[in-house]
Amino acid sequence: MSNYPVDMSVKPEIEAFFDPATNTISYVVKDPTSNACAVVDSVMDIDYAAGRITYDHADEIIAYIEKNGLNLEWLIETHVHADHLSAAPYIQQKLGGKIGIGSNIMVVQDTFGKVFNEGTEFQRDGSQFDALFQDGDTYKIGNMDALAMYTPGHTPACMVHVMGDASFVGDTLFMPDGGSARADFPGGDAGTLYDSIQKLLALPDEMRLFMCHDYGPNGRDIKWETTVGEEKAHNIHVGGGKTKEEFVTFRTERDAQLDMPRLIIPSLQVNMRAGEIPTDKDGRLMLKVPVNQL
């Protein structure tokens, strides 16, 4: 049984937004008893080759919130993504709300502050975010309680956010036929990821799980919703009682074969700043490319 308090009687209304360029799913999560909502893992569009930023995906989310008369209270980042750029500041500017992430963002900022040779003006204390969650912290979306569960392993700052009978798992887990996320980024650890997944799978079997990514393995249609029970029974990496040793061996061998995500260099620079694009000494938006550092 889970050590975390959950209320399965609360059933938030959830709208998903799939971004085909990065295979990311963003969510608008509405409190069933009010007009309050949260946005989870938004996406800012980038044409990396051209160095061009646009906001089509975020505008779609904003239009949905406005059309339905919702009040945006939170912009949740499940972790510092390495495969897409967050649109949280852009959405916040239009609709308000607070940007929140796990408190171990400071570990990520310290690690990648060095990789990108950031100067002293880059704060490594998480102050770019409005809220830093510790394990077990709760917050409100309207009348609905939300809970932050610390689930490191993919990155040091990963958290699962539980809202009623729905959990937003970030990259802690994929759909049952997708398995699990890599654990070879700086600060990642396969054994830690296994332990985090076990915490997630200790939630009630009926708990709805919403993925941050799906890649349609074996040509199936893109999906993003499953349950704890389905993952426990059928997840190809951790389901059916697979041991920690089996998982660590598999994950380590698999990760050694993976290429770096296409957008890892811009994503890390932007996302460790809560979605803000860094600037050069003249105030122009500018991204760096560290050579042989990742």
Protein backbone atom coordinates (compact mmCIF):
# COMPACT_ATOMS: atom_id res chain seq x y z
CA MET A 1 0.00 0.00 0.00
CA SER A 2 1.09 3.56 -0.68
CA ASN A 3 2.29 5.81 2.13
CA TYR A 4 0.75 8.79 0.35
CA PRO A 5 -2.81 9.97 1.11
CA VAL A 6 -4.99 9.84 -2.02
CA ASP A 7 -8.69 10.47 -2.51
CA MET A 8 -9.93 8.27 -5.34
CA SER A 9 -13.45 9.77 -5.04
CA VAL A 10 -12.20 13.02 -6.63
CA LYS A 11 -12.25 12.68 -10.42
CA PRO A 12 -10.67 15.66 -12.20
CA GLU A 13 -11.62 16.49 -15.78
CA ILE A 14 -8.57 16.06 -18.02
CA GLU A 15 -7.89 17.35 -21.53
CA ALA A 16 -4.76 16.09 -23.30
CA PHE A 17 -2.73 17.94 -25.95
CA PHE A 18 -0.29 15.85 -28.00
CA ASP A 19 2.75 17.50 -29.57
CA PRO A 20 3.90 15.31 -32.50
CA ALA A 21 7.22 17.15 -32.89
CA THR A 22 8.41 15.94 -29.46
CA ASN A 23 5.93 13.13 -28.68
CA THR A 24 4.96 15.06 -25.54
CA ILE A 25 1.51 15.10 -23.97
CA SER A 26 0.50 18.23 -22.04
CA TYR A 27 -2.60 18.34 -19.86
CA VAL A 28 -5.23 20.74 -18.60
CA VAL A 29 -6.55 19.32 -15.32
CA LYS A 30 -9.80 20.80 -13.98
CA ASP A 31 -11.07 20.61 -10.43
CA PRO A 32 -14.48 18.84 -10.74
CA THR A 33 -16.13 21.25 -8.27
CA SER A 34 -14.89 24.62 -9.58
CA ASN A 35 -13.46 26.36 -12.65
CA ALA A 36 -9.89 26.07 -11.32
CA CYS A 37 -7.35 24.17 -13.40
CA ALA A 38 -3.68 23.31 -13.74
CA VAL A 39 -1.51 22.83 -16.81
CA VAL A 40 1.00 19.96 -16.66
CA ASP A 41 4.14 19.87 -18.86
CA SER A 42 3.42 22.48 -21.52
CA VAL A 43 5.48 22.70 -24.73
CA MET A 44 7.11 25.67 -26.49
CA ASP A 45 7.79 25.05 -30.20
CA ILE A 46 11.34 25.37 -31.54
CA ASP A 47 12.77 25.07 -35.03
CA TYR A 48 16.26 24.29 -33.76
CA ALA A 49 17.94 24.45 -37.16
CA ALA A 50 16.56 27.95 -37.73
CA GLY A 51 16.84 29.08 -34.10
CA ARG A 52 13.16 30.05 -34.15
CA ILE A 53 10.70 29.88 -31.24
CA THR A 54 6.92 29.79 -31.74
CA TYR A 55 3.93 29.07 -29.50
CA ASP A 56 1.31 27.15 -31.49
CA HIS A 57 1.06 24.32 -28.95
CA ALA A 58 0.79 26.70 -25.99
CA ASP A 59 -1.77 28.85 -27.82
CA GLU A 60 -3.96 25.77 -28.25
CA ILE A 61 -3.91 25.20 -24.49
CA ILE A 62 -4.61 28.89 -23.78
CA ALA A 63 -7.55 28.86 -26.21
CA TYR A 64 -9.02 25.78 -24.52
CA ILE A 65 -8.75 27.36 -21.05
CA GLU A 66 -10.31 30.63 -22.24
CA LYS A 67 -13.09 28.94 -24.22
CA ASN A 68 -14.12 26.90 -21.17
CA GLY A 69 -13.95 29.82 -18.76
CA LEU A 70 -11.30 28.16 -16.58
CA ASN A 71 -9.07 29.83 -14.02
CA LEU A 72 -5.43 28.71 -14.30
CA GLU A 73 -3.90 28.31 -10.84
CA TRP A 74 -0.83 26.12 -11.46
CA LEU A 75 1.69 25.36 -14.20
CA ILE A 76 3.32 22.11 -13.15
CA GLU A 77 6.63 20.80 -14.49
CA THR A 78 7.10 17.14 -13.60
CA HIS A 79 10.87 17.53 -14.13
CA VAL A 80 13.48 19.39 -16.19
CA HIS A 81 12.68 17.92 -19.59
CA ALA A 82 15.50 17.03 -21.97
CA ASP A 83 13.36 16.62 -25.08
CA HIS A 84 11.12 19.68 -25.23
CA LEU A 85 11.06 23.29 -24.07
CA SER A 86 8.54 24.43 -21.47
CA ALA A 87 6.01 27.13 -22.40
CA ALA A 88 5.14 27.82 -18.75
CA PRO A 89 6.24 31.51 -18.65
CA TYR A 90 4.38 32.26 -21.89
CA ILE A 91 1.15 30.72 -20.60
CA GLN A 92 1.63 32.38 -17.21
CA GLN A 93 1.98 35.77 -18.88
CA LYS A 94 -1.36 35.24 -20.65
CA LEU A 95 -3.37 33.53 -17.90
CA GLY A 96 -1.57 33.79 -14.56
CA GLY A 97 -0.93 30.86 -12.25
CA LYS A 98 2.16 29.69 -10.36
CA ILE A 99 4.99 27.61 -11.87
CA GLY A 100 5.99 24.65 -9.70
CA ILE A 101 8.69 21.96 -9.84
CA GLY A 102 10.47 19.60 -7.44
CA SER A 103 12.92 21.20 -5.01
CA ASN A 104 15.79 19.13 -6.40
CA ILE A 105 15.76 21.49 -9.38
CA MET A 106 18.70 23.01 -7.50
CA VAL A 107 20.75 19.83 -8.09
CA VAL A 108 19.90 19.99 -11.80
CA GLN A 109 20.75 23.69 -11.98
CA ASP A 110 24.10 23.10 -10.32
CA THR A 111 24.95 20.19 -12.63
CA PHE A 112 23.98 21.89 -15.88
CA GLY A 113 25.10 25.33 -14.79
CA LYS A 114 28.59 23.82 -15.05
CA VAL A 115 27.90 22.07 -18.38
CA PHE A 116 26.71 25.33 -19.96
CA ASN A 117 29.36 27.44 -18.22
CA GLU A 118 26.73 29.74 -16.73
CA GLY A 119 27.95 32.84 -14.94
CA THR A 120 27.13 33.95 -11.42
CA GLU A 121 24.00 35.72 -12.68
CA PHE A 122 22.40 32.28 -13.20
CA GLN A 123 20.70 31.55 -9.89
CA ARG A 124 21.05 27.93 -8.79
CA ASP A 125 18.51 28.15 -5.96
CA GLY A 126 15.30 27.39 -7.88
CA SER A 127 14.20 31.02 -7.55
CA GLN A 128 13.07 31.10 -11.21
CA PHE A 129 10.07 29.00 -10.09
CA ASP A 130 7.15 30.14 -7.94
CA ALA A 131 7.00 26.93 -5.89
CA LEU A 132 9.49 24.15 -5.10
CA PHE A 133 7.82 20.94 -3.95
CA GLN A 134 9.20 18.53 -1.38
CA ASP A 135 8.16 14.88 -1.23
CA GLY A 136 4.62 14.64 0.10
CA ASP A 137 3.79 18.35 -0.26
CA THR A 138 0.19 19.17 -1.07
CA TYR A 139 -1.32 22.14 -2.87
CA LYS A 140 -4.80 23.18 -4.01
CA ILE A 141 -6.34 23.41 -7.47
CA GLY A 142 -9.62 25.07 -6.58
CA ASN A 143 -11.10 22.71 -3.98
CA MET A 144 -9.05 19.72 -5.13
CA ASP A 145 -6.00 18.56 -3.21
CA ALA A 146 -2.91 17.78 -5.29
CA LEU A 147 0.07 15.83 -4.00
CA ALA A 148 3.71 15.87 -5.11
CA MET A 149 5.50 12.49 -4.95
CA TYR A 150 9.30 12.48 -5.26
CA THR A 151 10.29 9.94 -7.95
CA PRO A 152 13.97 10.45 -8.91
CA GLY A 153 15.99 8.18 -11.19
CA HIS A 154 15.36 9.62 -14.64
CA THR A 155 16.51 12.98 -13.26
CA PRO A 156 17.16 14.12 -9.66
CA ALA A 157 14.13 16.44 -9.68
CA CYS A 158 11.40 14.14 -11.04
CA MET A 159 8.01 14.17 -9.31
CA VAL A 160 4.68 12.48 -9.92
CA HIS A 161 1.69 14.76 -9.27
CA VAL A 162 -1.42 13.06 -7.88
CA MET A 163 -4.73 14.88 -8.36
CA GLY A 164 -7.69 12.86 -7.09
CA ASP A 165 -7.85 9.58 -9.02
CA ALA A 166 -5.32 10.80 -11.62
CA SER A 167 -1.52 10.86 -11.50
CA PHE A 168 0.76 12.68 -13.91
CA VAL A 169 3.90 10.59 -14.05
CA GLY A 170 6.33 12.67 -16.12
CA ASP A 171 9.08 10.35 -17.37
CA THR A 172 8.94 8.02 -14.38
CA LEU A 173 7.05 5.48 -16.47
CA PHE A 174 5.73 4.98 -20.02
CA MET A 175 2.71 3.05 -21.27
CA PRO A 176 2.95 -0.71 -20.48
CA ASP A 177 4.35 -1.54 -23.93
CA GLY A 178 6.78 1.43 -23.73
CA GLY A 179 8.38 0.43 -20.43
CA SER A 180 10.43 3.07 -18.66
CA ALA A 181 12.56 6.14 -19.31
CA ARG A 182 16.35 6.24 -19.56
CA ALA A 183 18.41 6.75 -16.43
CA ASP A 184 21.79 7.74 -17.88
CA PHE A 185 21.55 11.54 -17.83
CA PRO A 186 23.75 13.33 -15.25
CA GLY A 187 22.13 12.68 -11.87
CA GLY A 188 20.08 9.75 -13.15
CA ASP A 189 20.28 6.23 -11.70
CA ALA A 190 18.56 3.02 -12.80
CA GLY A 191 18.28 1.55 -9.30
CA THR A 192 16.77 4.78 -7.99
CA LEU A 193 14.32 4.81 -10.90
CA TYR A 194 13.20 1.26 -10.07
CA ASP A 195 12.54 2.28 -6.45
CA SER A 196 10.57 5.33 -7.61
CA ILE A 197 8.46 3.21 -9.95
CA GLN A 198 7.65 0.88 -7.04
CA LYS A 199 6.38 3.89 -5.05
CA LEU A 200 4.15 4.80 -8.00
CA LEU A 201 2.88 1.24 -8.39
CA ALA A 202 1.95 1.16 -4.68
CA LEU A 203 -0.89 3.61 -5.43
CA PRO A 204 -4.38 2.06 -5.83
CA ASP A 205 -4.75 -0.23 -8.88
CA GLU A 206 -7.60 1.97 -10.21
CA MET A 207 -5.45 5.12 -10.16
CA ARG A 208 -5.38 6.66 -13.64
CA LEU A 209 -1.84 7.32 -14.91
CA PHE A 210 -1.14 9.99 -17.53
CA MET A 211 2.11 9.83 -19.47
CA CYS A 212 4.34 12.75 -20.47
CA HIS A 213 5.49 10.91 -23.62
CA ASP A 214 4.39 8.17 -25.95
CA TYR A 215 6.14 6.94 -29.09
CA GLY A 216 3.60 4.41 -30.39
CA PRO A 217 5.76 1.28 -30.07
CA ASN A 218 5.36 -1.28 -32.86
CA GLY A 219 3.28 1.16 -34.89
CA ARG A 220 0.31 1.41 -32.53
CA ASP A 221 -1.67 4.64 -32.19
CA ILE A 222 -0.39 7.19 -29.67
CA LYS A 223 -1.85 6.65 -26.17
CA TRP A 224 -1.26 8.38 -22.86
CA GLU A 225 -3.65 6.96 -20.24
CA THR A 226 -3.38 3.69 -18.33
CA THR A 227 -3.76 2.52 -14.71
CA VAL A 228 -1.53 1.35 -11.89
CA GLY A 229 -3.04 -2.13 -12.22
CA GLU A 230 -2.25 -2.28 -15.94
CA GLU A 231 1.34 -1.17 -15.37
CA LYS A 232 1.89 -3.67 -12.56
CA ALA A 233 0.63 -6.51 -14.70
CA HIS A 234 1.96 -5.65 -18.13
CA ASN A 235 4.77 -3.06 -18.10
CA ILE A 236 7.53 -4.64 -20.20
CA HIS A 237 10.35 -3.30 -18.00
CA VAL A 238 8.99 -3.50 -14.44
CA GLY A 239 5.67 -5.38 -14.59
CA GLY A 240 5.01 -8.97 -13.57
CA GLY A 241 7.27 -8.76 -10.53
CA LYS A 242 10.58 -8.04 -12.29
CA THR A 243 13.37 -7.58 -9.77
CA LYS A 244 15.49 -4.51 -9.23
CA GLU A 245 18.57 -6.39 -10.40
CA GLU A 246 16.85 -7.41 -13.65
CA PHE A 247 15.70 -3.85 -14.25
CA VAL A 248 19.10 -2.25 -13.56
CA THR A 249 20.86 -4.71 -15.88
CA PHE A 250 18.35 -4.14 -18.68
CA ARG A 251 18.16 -0.36 -18.26
CA THR A 252 21.95 0.08 -18.16
CA GLU A 253 22.48 -1.98 -21.33
CA ARG A 254 19.59 -0.26 -23.12
CA ASP A 255 20.69 3.27 -22.18
CA ALA A 256 24.17 2.64 -23.58
CA GLN A 257 22.59 2.19 -27.02
CA LEU A 258 20.45 5.36 -27.00
CA ASP A 259 21.31 8.58 -28.81
CA MET A 260 20.96 11.90 -26.99
CA PRO A 261 17.52 13.50 -27.41
CA ARG A 262 17.42 15.82 -30.42
CA LEU A 263 16.54 18.89 -28.34
CA ILE A 264 18.51 18.17 -25.15
CA ILE A 265 20.85 21.18 -25.50
CA PRO A 266 18.18 23.89 -25.87
CA SER A 267 15.75 22.08 -23.55
CA LEU A 268 18.06 21.94 -20.55
CA GLN A 269 19.12 25.59 -20.85
CA VAL A 270 15.52 26.78 -21.05
CA ASN A 271 13.84 24.38 -18.63
CA MET A 272 16.29 24.84 -15.77
CA ARG A 273 15.26 28.52 -16.00
CA ALA A 274 11.53 27.67 -15.65
CA GLY A 275 11.01 28.07 -19.40
CA GLU A 276 12.85 31.35 -19.89
CA ILE A 277 15.31 31.58 -22.80
CA PRO A 278 18.79 32.72 -21.73
CA THR A 279 20.26 35.97 -23.06
CA ASP A 280 23.73 37.13 -24.03
CA LYS A 281 25.50 40.17 -22.53
CA ASP A 282 23.56 42.45 -24.88
CA GLY A 283 20.20 41.05 -23.77
CA ARG A 284 19.54 39.05 -26.96
CA LEU A 285 17.94 35.60 -26.65
CA MET A 286 20.80 33.14 -27.12
CA LEU A 287 21.45 29.41 -26.66
CA LYS A 288 24.85 27.78 -26.18
CA VAL A 289 26.15 24.50 -27.62
CA PRO A 290 28.68 22.93 -25.24
CA VAL A 291 31.01 20.61 -27.15
CA ASN A 292 31.73 17.07 -25.86
CA GLN A 293 30.10 17.85 -22.50
CA LEU A 294 27.03 15.58 -22.54
